[in-house]
Amino acid sequence: MTTFEIRPKIVPNLIVIALTLSLMGITTWAIFFKADDPLEPKGPGLIIPAIIGPIGCAVLYFAVKTIILRPPVIRIDQDGFEYNPGGVSTGLITWSDIDDIREVTSAPAGETTWDR
């Protein structure tokens, strides 16, 4: 059996990077450069960048890491399969651990599913 892998697409991560850099740039501009009297780096002028900066850097780190490494989202081979969405793997699930494979569907929006 050959190995089957599905890898993440690059374009969504590039969009995330562009949006994150834009929001970080707009925030920096709005706080420090837009006003006639820009905020000094104390009080609100320090708290807002202290919150947005690390969050934006973390988002950028994981987006760039996904673009560079491109880990497979799902990998299926003769031993079993590994599901790895978002970079957190469940580990290899061997075919001997699987009892049954079924298709499960969900109800359309606004409807409920009840066993009848």
Protein backbone atom coordinates (compact mmCIF):
# COMPACT_ATOMS: atom_id res chain seq x y z
CA MET A 1 0.00 0.00 0.00
CA THR A 2 1.35 3.43 -0.86
CA THR A 3 1.35 6.33 1.56
CA PHE A 4 -1.42 8.89 1.06
CA GLU A 5 -0.87 12.38 2.52
CA ILE A 6 -2.91 15.56 2.50
CA ARG A 7 -0.86 18.69 3.24
CA PRO A 8 -2.16 22.16 4.18
CA LYS A 9 -2.44 24.83 1.52
CA ILE A 10 -0.09 27.80 1.62
CA VAL A 11 -2.52 30.54 0.53
CA PRO A 12 -4.64 30.59 3.75
CA ASN A 13 -1.47 30.97 5.81
CA LEU A 14 -0.26 33.81 3.58
CA ILE A 15 -3.63 35.53 4.11
CA VAL A 16 -3.29 35.11 7.89
CA ILE A 17 0.22 36.58 7.77
CA ALA A 18 -0.93 39.57 5.68
CA LEU A 19 -3.91 40.27 7.96
CA THR A 20 -1.85 39.93 11.13
CA LEU A 21 0.87 42.26 9.88
CA SER A 22 -1.80 44.73 8.73
CA LEU A 23 -3.58 44.72 12.09
CA MET A 24 -0.32 45.07 14.00
CA GLY A 25 0.77 47.93 11.74
CA ILE A 26 -2.58 49.73 11.97
CA THR A 27 -2.55 49.38 15.75
CA THR A 28 0.97 50.79 16.00
CA TRP A 29 0.11 53.65 13.67
CA ALA A 30 -3.15 54.47 15.49
CA ILE A 31 -1.54 54.47 18.92
CA PHE A 32 1.77 56.18 18.28
CA PHE A 33 1.65 58.17 15.02
CA LYS A 34 -1.93 59.17 14.10
CA ALA A 35 -2.81 61.50 16.92
CA ASP A 36 -1.45 65.02 17.27
CA ASP A 37 -0.44 64.00 20.78
CA PRO A 38 0.63 60.33 20.47
CA LEU A 39 0.43 58.11 23.50
CA GLU A 40 3.54 57.83 25.56
CA PRO A 41 4.87 54.34 26.24
CA LYS A 42 3.15 54.14 29.63
CA GLY A 43 -0.36 53.29 30.72
CA PRO A 44 -2.64 52.53 27.72
CA GLY A 45 0.19 53.25 25.33
CA LEU A 46 2.07 50.30 26.80
CA ILE A 47 -0.80 47.92 27.61
CA ILE A 48 -2.34 47.73 24.12
CA PRO A 49 0.92 46.88 22.29
CA ALA A 50 1.87 44.53 25.15
CA ILE A 51 -1.30 42.53 24.44
CA ILE A 52 -1.41 42.75 20.64
CA GLY A 53 2.34 42.29 20.10
CA PRO A 54 2.80 38.81 21.61
CA ILE A 55 -0.49 37.51 20.17
CA GLY A 56 0.43 38.78 16.70
CA CYS A 57 3.95 37.33 16.98
CA ALA A 58 2.55 33.93 18.00
CA VAL A 59 0.13 33.92 15.07
CA LEU A 60 2.95 34.88 12.69
CA TYR A 61 5.24 32.20 14.15
CA PHE A 62 2.73 29.37 13.66
CA ALA A 63 1.71 30.56 10.17
CA VAL A 64 5.33 30.75 8.99
CA LYS A 65 6.12 27.42 10.64
CA THR A 66 3.21 25.78 8.80
CA ILE A 67 4.36 27.27 5.48
CA ILE A 68 7.96 26.11 5.94
CA LEU A 69 7.37 22.63 7.39
CA ARG A 70 4.01 21.83 5.76
CA PRO A 71 3.26 18.84 8.02
CA PRO A 72 0.64 16.46 6.60
CA VAL A 73 -2.87 17.02 7.94
CA ILE A 74 -3.66 13.35 7.45
CA ARG A 75 -1.37 10.49 6.50
CA ILE A 76 -2.68 7.03 5.61
CA ASP A 77 -0.40 4.03 5.02
CA GLN A 78 -0.27 0.27 5.54
CA ASP A 79 0.27 0.62 9.30
CA GLY A 80 -2.67 2.93 9.96
CA PHE A 81 -3.36 6.64 9.82
CA GLU A 82 -2.28 9.78 11.60
CA TYR A 83 -4.52 12.83 11.89
CA ASN A 84 -2.63 16.06 12.51
CA PRO A 85 -4.83 19.16 12.23
CA GLY A 86 -3.19 22.33 13.45
CA GLY A 87 0.13 20.64 14.18
CA VAL A 88 -1.13 18.59 17.14
CA SER A 89 -1.01 14.92 16.23
CA THR A 90 -3.13 12.17 17.73
CA GLY A 91 -0.34 9.72 16.99
CA LEU A 92 -0.48 6.74 14.70
CA ILE A 93 -3.80 4.90 14.89
CA THR A 94 -3.13 1.36 13.68
CA TRP A 95 -5.64 -0.58 11.60
CA SER A 96 -5.84 -3.23 14.35
CA ASP A 97 -7.22 -0.56 16.75
CA ILE A 98 -10.14 0.21 14.42
CA ASP A 99 -13.31 -1.85 14.89
CA ASP A 100 -15.66 -0.15 12.46
CA ILE A 101 -15.69 2.65 9.90
CA ARG A 102 -19.00 4.41 9.31
CA GLU A 103 -20.16 7.47 7.48
CA VAL A 104 -21.76 9.97 9.84
CA THR A 105 -23.80 12.87 8.50
CA SER A 106 -25.09 15.89 10.33
CA ALA A 107 -28.46 17.59 10.02
CA PRO A 108 -28.78 20.79 7.99
CA ALA A 109 -28.77 24.05 9.94
CA GLY A 110 -31.91 24.57 11.94
CA GLU A 111 -32.86 20.89 12.11
CA THR A 112 -32.19 18.43 14.89
CA THR A 113 -31.25 14.80 14.61
CA TRP A 114 -33.16 12.29 16.69
CA ASP A 115 -33.04 8.53 16.50
CA ARG A 116 -36.50 7.42 15.47
